[in-house]
């Protein structure tokens, strides 16, 4: 499969403007040329991306999913443009970081306020993304530092272990299961189980636990672990999460150990062969210290 940048550009403009006419104006080419680029793209990817209804182009579900990936490409292009501006203005020390949301508050916030807050000479970019995306971007040296959910990837990335614990079942304090010492898959048969996305290491561990049980819960809600905590606090079900995420959610929940044990770990990752950057080392060490000090998160 050989996709051409012009095809993706036409696809993006049509998706964003909802029409060939506006896309052709944005690209400064004729409408038939836009239509041809879209047809060529559909042929290349082997999917129908648009249907026609009353003279309008309607994106298919596949087109919506593809747009998310194309937008990532354009974010990368925008970052290159910003870097070029920085280099031209001799501001070529922009540090680019990304973190999973569960580490942002309070840990990363606190570390950055202490270490970066007093400095006005340090341009920074901080993205909040999922672990899979962060691992990929660190491997490609698009991020100088990534704070991620484990396990660590194989390869030459520079990784620092930040924290490990085990998964818990989180629920409101007045939930019937809150009286139990531990929670097992059997206990959840009559509950809605709030679970992380399928790419999450915790979710894969939970799926293994359910597959080994004689019965598995049928009623589930799949979302981010932070959302799992908020839904659990609202009485929507029992969330299988980790205590770091519970700390980030900052809602009233009762946590019970979940069996079988699911290990949960966080790591700091830097590109292979990258130079030492003192401020990033300081941020990593401070986050690690804050995690170690936070007995609520480690409980």
C-alpha atoms as a PDB file:
ATOM      1  CA  UNK A   1       0.000   0.000   0.000  1.00  0.00           C
ATOM      2  CA  UNK A   2       1.495   3.330  -1.098  1.00  0.00           C
ATOM      3  CA  UNK A   3      -0.534   6.290   0.119  1.00  0.00           C
ATOM      4  CA  UNK A   4       0.257   9.683  -1.352  1.00  0.00           C
ATOM      5  CA  UNK A   5       0.323  12.834   0.809  1.00  0.00           C
ATOM      6  CA  UNK A   6      -1.974  14.612  -1.659  1.00  0.00           C
ATOM      7  CA  UNK A   7      -4.608  11.866  -1.255  1.00  0.00           C
ATOM      8  CA  UNK A   8      -4.535  12.225   2.530  1.00  0.00           C
ATOM      9  CA  UNK A   9      -4.680  16.002   2.226  1.00  0.00           C
ATOM     10  CA  UNK A  10      -7.788  15.770   0.029  1.00  0.00           C
ATOM     11  CA  UNK A  11      -9.387  13.266   2.403  1.00  0.00           C
ATOM     12  CA  UNK A  12      -8.689  15.498   5.404  1.00  0.00           C
ATOM     13  CA  UNK A  13     -10.127  18.606   3.740  1.00  0.00           C
ATOM     14  CA  UNK A  14     -13.273  16.792   2.631  1.00  0.00           C
ATOM     15  CA  UNK A  15     -13.766  15.377   6.135  1.00  0.00           C
ATOM     16  CA  UNK A  16     -13.267  18.756   7.808  1.00  0.00           C
ATOM     17  CA  UNK A  17     -15.299  20.821   5.334  1.00  0.00           C
ATOM     18  CA  UNK A  18     -17.902  18.127   4.563  1.00  0.00           C
ATOM     19  CA  UNK A  19     -17.732  18.826   0.835  1.00  0.00           C
ATOM     20  CA  UNK A  20     -15.664  18.584  -2.334  1.00  0.00           C
ATOM     21  CA  UNK A  21     -16.250  22.241  -3.241  1.00  0.00           C
ATOM     22  CA  UNK A  22     -14.781  23.649  -0.050  1.00  0.00           C
ATOM     23  CA  UNK A  23     -11.945  21.098  -0.181  1.00  0.00           C
ATOM     24  CA  UNK A  24     -11.051  22.111  -3.747  1.00  0.00           C
ATOM     25  CA  UNK A  25     -10.949  25.772  -2.711  1.00  0.00           C
ATOM     26  CA  UNK A  26      -8.733  24.992   0.285  1.00  0.00           C
ATOM     27  CA  UNK A  27      -6.363  22.945  -1.898  1.00  0.00           C
ATOM     28  CA  UNK A  28      -6.597  25.348  -4.875  1.00  0.00           C
ATOM     29  CA  UNK A  29      -7.415  22.558  -7.323  1.00  0.00           C
ATOM     30  CA  UNK A  30     -10.491  21.645  -9.355  1.00  0.00           C
ATOM     31  CA  UNK A  31     -13.346  19.649  -7.816  1.00  0.00           C
ATOM     32  CA  UNK A  32     -12.849  16.684 -10.182  1.00  0.00           C
ATOM     33  CA  UNK A  33      -9.233  16.500  -9.036  1.00  0.00           C
ATOM     34  CA  UNK A  34     -10.363  16.260  -5.400  1.00  0.00           C
ATOM     35  CA  UNK A  35     -12.865  13.547  -6.306  1.00  0.00           C
ATOM     36  CA  UNK A  36     -10.167  11.620  -8.166  1.00  0.00           C
ATOM     37  CA  UNK A  37      -7.811  11.822  -5.185  1.00  0.00           C
ATOM     38  CA  UNK A  38     -10.554  10.459  -2.922  1.00  0.00           C
ATOM     39  CA  UNK A  39     -11.315   7.603  -5.356  1.00  0.00           C
ATOM     40  CA  UNK A  40      -7.618   6.750  -5.585  1.00  0.00           C
ATOM     41  CA  UNK A  41      -7.340   6.735  -1.800  1.00  0.00           C
ATOM     42  CA  UNK A  42     -10.378   4.447  -1.453  1.00  0.00           C
ATOM     43  CA  UNK A  43      -8.877   2.110  -4.029  1.00  0.00           C
ATOM     44  CA  UNK A  44      -5.525   2.081  -2.236  1.00  0.00           C
ATOM     45  CA  UNK A  45      -6.945   1.376   1.260  1.00  0.00           C
ATOM     46  CA  UNK A  46      -9.649  -0.994  -0.043  1.00  0.00           C
ATOM     47  CA  UNK A  47     -12.487   0.747   1.822  1.00  0.00           C
ATOM     48  CA  UNK A  48     -15.431   2.985   0.999  1.00  0.00           C
ATOM     49  CA  UNK A  49     -14.799   6.247   2.810  1.00  0.00           C
ATOM     50  CA  UNK A  50     -17.797   8.294   1.648  1.00  0.00           C
ATOM     51  CA  UNK A  51     -21.368   7.681   0.550  1.00  0.00           C
ATOM     52  CA  UNK A  52     -23.509  10.149  -1.380  1.00  0.00           C
ATOM     53  CA  UNK A  53     -26.895  11.258  -0.099  1.00  0.00           C
ATOM     54  CA  UNK A  54     -28.818  14.066  -1.737  1.00  0.00           C
ATOM     55  CA  UNK A  55     -25.710  15.475  -3.341  1.00  0.00           C
ATOM     56  CA  UNK A  56     -23.797  15.435  -0.045  1.00  0.00           C
ATOM     57  CA  UNK A  57     -20.795  13.333   0.884  1.00  0.00           C
ATOM     58  CA  UNK A  58     -21.307  11.397   4.106  1.00  0.00           C
ATOM     59  CA  UNK A  59     -18.258   9.814   5.782  1.00  0.00           C
ATOM     60  CA  UNK A  60     -18.423   6.125   6.637  1.00  0.00           C
ATOM     61  CA  UNK A  61     -17.423   4.867  10.101  1.00  0.00           C
ATOM     62  CA  UNK A  62     -14.142   3.725   8.541  1.00  0.00           C
ATOM     63  CA  UNK A  63     -13.483   7.291   7.361  1.00  0.00           C
ATOM     64  CA  UNK A  64     -13.969   8.637  10.887  1.00  0.00           C
ATOM     65  CA  UNK A  65     -11.419   6.148  12.241  1.00  0.00           C
ATOM     66  CA  UNK A  66      -8.979   6.924   9.439  1.00  0.00           C
ATOM     67  CA  UNK A  67      -9.289  10.673  10.080  1.00  0.00           C
ATOM     68  CA  UNK A  68      -8.005  10.191  13.638  1.00  0.00           C
ATOM     69  CA  UNK A  69      -4.798   8.642  12.273  1.00  0.00           C
ATOM     70  CA  UNK A  70      -4.447  11.300   9.565  1.00  0.00           C
ATOM     71  CA  UNK A  71      -4.823  14.023  12.197  1.00  0.00           C
ATOM     72  CA  UNK A  72      -1.926  12.473  14.119  1.00  0.00           C
ATOM     73  CA  UNK A  73       0.167  12.836  10.965  1.00  0.00           C
ATOM     74  CA  UNK A  74      -0.724  16.509  10.665  1.00  0.00           C
ATOM     75  CA  UNK A  75       0.020  17.087  14.345  1.00  0.00           C
ATOM     76  CA  UNK A  76       3.495  15.709  13.636  1.00  0.00           C
ATOM     77  CA  UNK A  77       3.845  18.049  10.644  1.00  0.00           C
ATOM     78  CA  UNK A  78       2.757  20.996  12.796  1.00  0.00           C
ATOM     79  CA  UNK A  79       5.380  20.023  15.367  1.00  0.00           C
ATOM     80  CA  UNK A  80       8.049  20.028  12.650  1.00  0.00           C
ATOM     81  CA  UNK A  81       6.902  23.488  11.570  1.00  0.00           C
ATOM     82  CA  UNK A  82       7.074  24.761  15.143  1.00  0.00           C
ATOM     83  CA  UNK A  83      10.534  23.237  15.550  1.00  0.00           C
ATOM     84  CA  UNK A  84      11.681  25.001  12.363  1.00  0.00           C
ATOM     85  CA  UNK A  85      10.406  28.298  13.779  1.00  0.00           C
ATOM     86  CA  UNK A  86      12.247  27.632  17.022  1.00  0.00           C
ATOM     87  CA  UNK A  87      15.488  26.829  15.210  1.00  0.00           C
ATOM     88  CA  UNK A  88      15.169  29.932  13.030  1.00  0.00           C
ATOM     89  CA  UNK A  89      14.693  32.060  16.139  1.00  0.00           C
ATOM     90  CA  UNK A  90      17.525  30.222  17.958  1.00  0.00           C
ATOM     91  CA  UNK A  91      15.047  28.714  20.392  1.00  0.00           C
ATOM     92  CA  UNK A  92      16.053  25.152  19.646  1.00  0.00           C
ATOM     93  CA  UNK A  93      15.773  23.788  23.191  1.00  0.00           C
ATOM     94  CA  UNK A  94      12.076  22.941  23.113  1.00  0.00           C
ATOM     95  CA  UNK A  95      11.501  19.863  25.259  1.00  0.00           C
ATOM     96  CA  UNK A  96       8.597  17.664  24.239  1.00  0.00           C
ATOM     97  CA  UNK A  97       6.967  15.457  26.835  1.00  0.00           C
ATOM     98  CA  UNK A  98       3.884  13.252  26.972  1.00  0.00           C
ATOM     99  CA  UNK A  99       2.137  11.536  29.857  1.00  0.00           C
ATOM    100  CA  UNK A 100      -0.752   9.219  30.515  1.00  0.00           C
ATOM    101  CA  UNK A 101      -3.488  11.172  32.256  1.00  0.00           C
ATOM    102  CA  UNK A 102      -3.286   9.221  35.519  1.00  0.00           C
ATOM    103  CA  UNK A 103       0.200  10.624  36.208  1.00  0.00           C
ATOM    104  CA  UNK A 104      -0.608  14.229  35.299  1.00  0.00           C
ATOM    105  CA  UNK A 105      -2.322  15.175  38.539  1.00  0.00           C
ATOM    106  CA  UNK A 106      -0.973  15.503  41.119  1.00  0.00           C
ATOM    107  CA  UNK A 107       2.413  13.965  40.328  1.00  0.00           C
ATOM    108  CA  UNK A 108       3.570  15.558  37.057  1.00  0.00           C
ATOM    109  CA  UNK A 109       1.888  18.863  37.920  1.00  0.00           C
ATOM    110  CA  UNK A 110       3.737  19.033  41.224  1.00  0.00           C
ATOM    111  CA  UNK A 111       7.093  18.072  39.711  1.00  0.00           C
ATOM    112  CA  UNK A 112       6.783  20.662  36.932  1.00  0.00           C
ATOM    113  CA  UNK A 113       5.707  23.428  39.288  1.00  0.00           C
ATOM    114  CA  UNK A 114       8.728  22.784  41.484  1.00  0.00           C
ATOM    115  CA  UNK A 115      11.342  22.231  38.772  1.00  0.00           C
ATOM    116  CA  UNK A 116      10.136  24.154  35.723  1.00  0.00           C
ATOM    117  CA  UNK A 117       7.946  26.789  37.369  1.00  0.00           C
ATOM    118  CA  UNK A 118      10.705  29.279  38.271  1.00  0.00           C
ATOM    119  CA  UNK A 119      12.391  29.020  34.848  1.00  0.00           C
ATOM    120  CA  UNK A 120      11.426  31.328  31.976  1.00  0.00           C
ATOM    121  CA  UNK A 121      14.111  30.072  29.579  1.00  0.00           C
ATOM    122  CA  UNK A 122      12.699  26.610  28.944  1.00  0.00           C
ATOM    123  CA  UNK A 123      10.090  26.144  26.175  1.00  0.00           C
ATOM    124  CA  UNK A 124       8.038  22.990  26.769  1.00  0.00           C
ATOM    125  CA  UNK A 125       5.381  20.952  25.008  1.00  0.00           C
ATOM    126  CA  UNK A 126       3.282  18.601  27.139  1.00  0.00           C
ATOM    127  CA  UNK A 127       0.816  16.204  25.501  1.00  0.00           C
ATOM    128  CA  UNK A 128      -1.593  13.887  27.306  1.00  0.00           C
ATOM    129  CA  UNK A 129      -1.924  10.646  25.355  1.00  0.00           C
ATOM    130  CA  UNK A 130      -2.402   6.903  25.779  1.00  0.00           C
ATOM    131  CA  UNK A 131       0.584   4.682  26.526  1.00  0.00           C
ATOM    132  CA  UNK A 132       0.658   2.970  23.147  1.00  0.00           C
ATOM    133  CA  UNK A 133       0.931   6.293  21.307  1.00  0.00           C
ATOM    134  CA  UNK A 134       3.552   7.611  23.733  1.00  0.00           C
ATOM    135  CA  UNK A 135       5.723   4.485  23.393  1.00  0.00           C
ATOM    136  CA  UNK A 136       5.556   4.826  19.582  1.00  0.00           C
ATOM    137  CA  UNK A 137       6.443   8.521  19.624  1.00  0.00           C
ATOM    138  CA  UNK A 138       9.336   8.062  22.070  1.00  0.00           C
ATOM    139  CA  UNK A 139      10.728   5.252  19.893  1.00  0.00           C
ATOM    140  CA  UNK A 140      10.663   7.669  16.943  1.00  0.00           C
ATOM    141  CA  UNK A 141      12.265  10.446  19.060  1.00  0.00           C
ATOM    142  CA  UNK A 142       9.195  12.673  18.702  1.00  0.00           C
ATOM    143  CA  UNK A 143       9.074  12.988  22.499  1.00  0.00           C
ATOM    144  CA  UNK A 144      12.052  13.661  24.734  1.00  0.00           C
ATOM    145  CA  UNK A 145      10.249  12.051  27.668  1.00  0.00           C
ATOM    146  CA  UNK A 146       7.226   9.805  27.968  1.00  0.00           C
ATOM    147  CA  UNK A 147       5.432   8.815  31.167  1.00  0.00           C
ATOM    148  CA  UNK A 148       3.671   5.569  30.433  1.00  0.00           C
ATOM    149  CA  UNK A 149       1.760   2.591  31.726  1.00  0.00           C
ATOM    150  CA  UNK A 150       3.809  -0.652  31.634  1.00  0.00           C
ATOM    151  CA  UNK A 151       5.060  -3.175  30.808  1.00  0.00           C
ATOM    152  CA  UNK A 152       8.169  -1.635  29.200  1.00  0.00           C
ATOM    153  CA  UNK A 153       8.776  -2.295  25.534  1.00  0.00           C
ATOM    154  CA  UNK A 154      11.604  -4.421  24.288  1.00  0.00           C
ATOM    155  CA  UNK A 155      14.415  -2.488  22.636  1.00  0.00           C
ATOM    156  CA  UNK A 156      16.949   0.197  23.385  1.00  0.00           C
ATOM    157  CA  UNK A 157      14.690   2.825  24.948  1.00  0.00           C
ATOM    158  CA  UNK A 158      15.982   4.362  28.168  1.00  0.00           C
ATOM    159  CA  UNK A 159      13.412   3.447  30.816  1.00  0.00           C
ATOM    160  CA  UNK A 160      13.090   4.211  34.516  1.00  0.00           C
ATOM    161  CA  UNK A 161      10.670   2.270  36.693  1.00  0.00           C
ATOM    162  CA  UNK A 162       8.440   4.741  38.576  1.00  0.00           C
ATOM    163  CA  UNK A 163       5.932   2.677  40.517  1.00  0.00           C
ATOM    164  CA  UNK A 164       4.323  -0.764  40.760  1.00  0.00           C
ATOM    165  CA  UNK A 165       1.194  -2.005  42.477  1.00  0.00           C
ATOM    166  CA  UNK A 166      -1.707  -4.336  41.721  1.00  0.00           C
ATOM    167  CA  UNK A 167      -5.180  -3.772  40.338  1.00  0.00           C
ATOM    168  CA  UNK A 168      -8.089  -3.073  42.659  1.00  0.00           C
ATOM    169  CA  UNK A 169     -11.861  -3.162  42.411  1.00  0.00           C
ATOM    170  CA  UNK A 170     -13.161   0.365  43.039  1.00  0.00           C
ATOM    171  CA  UNK A 171     -16.743   1.091  44.079  1.00  0.00           C
ATOM    172  CA  UNK A 172     -18.742   3.514  46.246  1.00  0.00           C
ATOM    173  CA  UNK A 173     -18.273   2.906  50.002  1.00  0.00           C
ATOM    174  CA  UNK A 174     -21.911   1.786  50.342  1.00  0.00           C
ATOM    175  CA  UNK A 175     -21.686  -0.795  47.544  1.00  0.00           C
ATOM    176  CA  UNK A 176     -22.613  -4.362  48.651  1.00  0.00           C
ATOM    177  CA  UNK A 177     -19.169  -5.659  47.618  1.00  0.00           C
ATOM    178  CA  UNK A 178     -17.413  -3.061  49.790  1.00  0.00           C
ATOM    179  CA  UNK A 179     -17.786  -5.418  52.763  1.00  0.00           C
ATOM    180  CA  UNK A 180     -15.635  -8.116  51.133  1.00  0.00           C
ATOM    181  CA  UNK A 181     -11.904  -8.420  51.795  1.00  0.00           C
ATOM    182  CA  UNK A 182     -11.063  -9.244  48.156  1.00  0.00           C
ATOM    183  CA  UNK A 183     -12.951  -9.223  44.876  1.00  0.00           C
ATOM    184  CA  UNK A 184     -12.827 -12.053  42.318  1.00  0.00           C
ATOM    185  CA  UNK A 185     -14.420 -12.433  38.862  1.00  0.00           C
ATOM    186  CA  UNK A 186     -17.207 -14.519  40.443  1.00  0.00           C
ATOM    187  CA  UNK A 187     -18.152 -11.597  42.706  1.00  0.00           C
ATOM    188  CA  UNK A 188     -18.712  -9.418  39.646  1.00  0.00           C
ATOM    189  CA  UNK A 189     -21.197 -11.656  37.824  1.00  0.00           C
ATOM    190  CA  UNK A 190     -24.171  -9.499  38.798  1.00  0.00           C
ATOM    191  CA  UNK A 191     -22.352  -6.164  38.405  1.00  0.00           C
ATOM    192  CA  UNK A 192     -21.542  -3.853  35.552  1.00  0.00           C
ATOM    193  CA  UNK A 193     -17.752  -4.053  35.235  1.00  0.00           C
ATOM    194  CA  UNK A 194     -16.036  -0.817  34.217  1.00  0.00           C
ATOM    195  CA  UNK A 195     -12.907  -1.729  32.257  1.00  0.00           C
ATOM    196  CA  UNK A 196     -10.003  -0.036  30.514  1.00  0.00           C
ATOM    197  CA  UNK A 197      -9.590  -0.146  26.725  1.00  0.00           C
ATOM    198  CA  UNK A 198      -8.392  -3.301  25.004  1.00  0.00           C
ATOM    199  CA  UNK A 199      -4.884  -1.929  24.427  1.00  0.00           C
ATOM    200  CA  UNK A 200      -4.324  -1.370  28.145  1.00  0.00           C
ATOM    201  CA  UNK A 201      -2.014  -3.855  29.922  1.00  0.00           C
ATOM    202  CA  UNK A 202      -4.427  -3.848  32.869  1.00  0.00           C
ATOM    203  CA  UNK A 203      -7.300  -4.774  30.560  1.00  0.00           C
ATOM    204  CA  UNK A 204      -5.324  -7.658  29.072  1.00  0.00           C
ATOM    205  CA  UNK A 205      -4.654  -8.950  32.589  1.00  0.00           C
ATOM    206  CA  UNK A 206      -8.340  -8.623  33.436  1.00  0.00           C
ATOM    207  CA  UNK A 207      -9.342 -10.510  30.294  1.00  0.00           C
ATOM    208  CA  UNK A 208      -6.981 -13.343  31.280  1.00  0.00           C
ATOM    209  CA  UNK A 209      -8.518 -13.431  34.765  1.00  0.00           C
ATOM    210  CA  UNK A 210     -12.024 -13.654  33.347  1.00  0.00           C
ATOM    211  CA  UNK A 211     -11.038 -16.326  30.822  1.00  0.00           C
ATOM    212  CA  UNK A 212      -9.647 -18.499  33.642  1.00  0.00           C
ATOM    213  CA  UNK A 213     -12.809 -18.165  35.735  1.00  0.00           C
ATOM    214  CA  UNK A 214     -15.721 -20.561  35.304  1.00  0.00           C
ATOM    215  CA  UNK A 215     -17.963 -17.600  34.497  1.00  0.00           C
ATOM    216  CA  UNK A 216     -17.249 -14.029  33.434  1.00  0.00           C
ATOM    217  CA  UNK A 217     -19.365 -10.880  33.812  1.00  0.00           C
ATOM    218  CA  UNK A 218     -21.450 -10.055  30.768  1.00  0.00           C
ATOM    219  CA  UNK A 219     -22.339  -6.460  31.607  1.00  0.00           C
ATOM    220  CA  UNK A 220     -19.306  -4.243  30.922  1.00  0.00           C
ATOM    221  CA  UNK A 221     -18.508  -0.655  30.077  1.00  0.00           C
ATOM    222  CA  UNK A 222     -15.208  -0.032  28.295  1.00  0.00           C
ATOM    223  CA  UNK A 223     -13.617   3.423  28.637  1.00  0.00           C
ATOM    224  CA  UNK A 224     -10.511   5.123  30.006  1.00  0.00           C
ATOM    225  CA  UNK A 225      -9.453   4.141  33.519  1.00  0.00           C
ATOM    226  CA  UNK A 226     -10.066   7.704  34.706  1.00  0.00           C
ATOM    227  CA  UNK A 227     -13.622   7.539  33.369  1.00  0.00           C
ATOM    228  CA  UNK A 228     -14.007   4.136  35.037  1.00  0.00           C
ATOM    229  CA  UNK A 229     -13.352   5.800  38.399  1.00  0.00           C
ATOM    230  CA  UNK A 230     -15.845   8.593  37.782  1.00  0.00           C
ATOM    231  CA  UNK A 231     -18.532   6.163  36.602  1.00  0.00           C
ATOM    232  CA  UNK A 232     -17.894   3.930  39.613  1.00  0.00           C
ATOM    233  CA  UNK A 233     -18.250   6.898  41.983  1.00  0.00           C
ATOM    234  CA  UNK A 234     -21.577   7.686  40.306  1.00  0.00           C
ATOM    235  CA  UNK A 235     -22.822   4.161  41.018  1.00  0.00           C
ATOM    236  CA  UNK A 236     -22.551   2.910  37.434  1.00  0.00           C
ATOM    237  CA  UNK A 237     -20.622  -0.244  38.375  1.00  0.00           C
ATOM    238  CA  UNK A 238     -17.377  -1.643  39.752  1.00  0.00           C
ATOM    239  CA  UNK A 239     -14.155  -0.335  38.189  1.00  0.00           C
ATOM    240  CA  UNK A 240     -11.051  -2.497  37.824  1.00  0.00           C
ATOM    241  CA  UNK A 241      -8.285   0.094  37.956  1.00  0.00           C
ATOM    242  CA  UNK A 242      -5.089   0.946  39.831  1.00  0.00           C
ATOM    243  CA  UNK A 243      -4.641   3.257  42.784  1.00  0.00           C
ATOM    244  CA  UNK A 244      -2.679   5.851  40.832  1.00  0.00           C
ATOM    245  CA  UNK A 245      -5.691   6.361  38.576  1.00  0.00           C
ATOM    246  CA  UNK A 246      -7.975   6.527  41.619  1.00  0.00           C
ATOM    247  CA  UNK A 247      -5.737   9.238  43.027  1.00  0.00           C
ATOM    248  CA  UNK A 248      -5.943  11.192  39.761  1.00  0.00           C
ATOM    249  CA  UNK A 249      -9.741  10.854  39.633  1.00  0.00           C
ATOM    250  CA  UNK A 250     -10.047  12.352  43.136  1.00  0.00           C
ATOM    251  CA  UNK A 251     -13.493  10.860  43.806  1.00  0.00           C
ATOM    252  CA  UNK A 252     -14.846   8.975  46.799  1.00  0.00           C
ATOM    253  CA  UNK A 253     -14.275   5.292  46.185  1.00  0.00           C
ATOM    254  CA  UNK A 254     -13.626   2.180  48.229  1.00  0.00           C
ATOM    255  CA  UNK A 255     -10.799   0.006  46.870  1.00  0.00           C
ATOM    256  CA  UNK A 256     -10.584  -3.742  47.426  1.00  0.00           C
ATOM    257  CA  UNK A 257      -7.774  -6.019  46.203  1.00  0.00           C
ATOM    258  CA  UNK A 258      -8.664  -7.901  43.025  1.00  0.00           C
ATOM    259  CA  UNK A 259      -7.749 -11.561  42.583  1.00  0.00           C
ATOM    260  CA  UNK A 260      -6.111 -13.049  40.608  1.00  0.00           C
ATOM    261  CA  UNK A 261      -3.380 -10.447  40.965  1.00  0.00           C
ATOM    262  CA  UNK A 262      -2.862  -8.079  38.043  1.00  0.00           C
ATOM    263  CA  UNK A 263       0.440  -6.211  38.196  1.00  0.00           C
ATOM    264  CA  UNK A 264       0.350  -2.511  37.371  1.00  0.00           C
ATOM    265  CA  UNK A 265       3.500  -0.490  36.633  1.00  0.00           C
ATOM    266  CA  UNK A 266       4.451   2.966  35.401  1.00  0.00           C
ATOM    267  CA  UNK A 267       7.644   3.942  33.596  1.00  0.00           C
ATOM    268  CA  UNK A 268       9.475   6.991  32.309  1.00  0.00           C
ATOM    269  CA  UNK A 269      10.863   6.446  28.806  1.00  0.00           C
ATOM    270  CA  UNK A 270      13.387   8.372  26.708  1.00  0.00           C
ATOM    271  CA  UNK A 271      14.588   7.718  23.148  1.00  0.00           C
ATOM    272  CA  UNK A 272      17.495   5.344  22.627  1.00  0.00           C
ATOM    273  CA  UNK A 273      20.827   7.140  22.562  1.00  0.00           C
ATOM    274  CA  UNK A 274      19.354  10.490  23.586  1.00  0.00           C
ATOM    275  CA  UNK A 275      21.593  12.936  25.407  1.00  0.00           C
ATOM    276  CA  UNK A 276      21.193  13.513  29.107  1.00  0.00           C
ATOM    277  CA  UNK A 277      18.921  16.462  29.889  1.00  0.00           C
ATOM    278  CA  UNK A 278      19.160  17.486  33.523  1.00  0.00           C
ATOM    279  CA  UNK A 279      15.691  19.017  33.826  1.00  0.00           C
ATOM    280  CA  UNK A 280      14.056  15.824  32.512  1.00  0.00           C
ATOM    281  CA  UNK A 281      16.095  13.716  34.934  1.00  0.00           C
ATOM    282  CA  UNK A 282      14.953  16.005  37.745  1.00  0.00           C
ATOM    283  CA  UNK A 283      11.304  15.711  36.710  1.00  0.00           C
ATOM    284  CA  UNK A 284      11.516  11.916  36.597  1.00  0.00           C
ATOM    285  CA  UNK A 285      13.202  11.691  39.983  1.00  0.00           C
ATOM    286  CA  UNK A 286      10.673  14.066  41.552  1.00  0.00           C
ATOM    287  CA  UNK A 287       7.707  12.119  40.181  1.00  0.00           C
ATOM    288  CA  UNK A 288       9.212   8.899  41.477  1.00  0.00           C
ATOM    289  CA  UNK A 289       9.720  10.478  44.914  1.00  0.00           C
ATOM    290  CA  UNK A 290       6.156  11.818  44.970  1.00  0.00           C
ATOM    291  CA  UNK A 291       4.809   8.363  44.113  1.00  0.00           C
ATOM    292  CA  UNK A 292       6.912   6.820  46.857  1.00  0.00           C
ATOM    293  CA  UNK A 293       5.689   9.412  49.367  1.00  0.00           C
ATOM    294  CA  UNK A 294       2.018   9.167  48.477  1.00  0.00           C
ATOM    295  CA  UNK A 295       0.697   6.465  50.777  1.00  0.00           C
ATOM    296  CA  UNK A 296      -2.795   6.876  49.354  1.00  0.00           C
ATOM    297  CA  UNK A 297      -1.572   5.963  45.883  1.00  0.00           C
ATOM    298  CA  UNK A 298       0.538   3.097  47.139  1.00  0.00           C
ATOM    299  CA  UNK A 299      -1.953   1.703  49.639  1.00  0.00           C
END
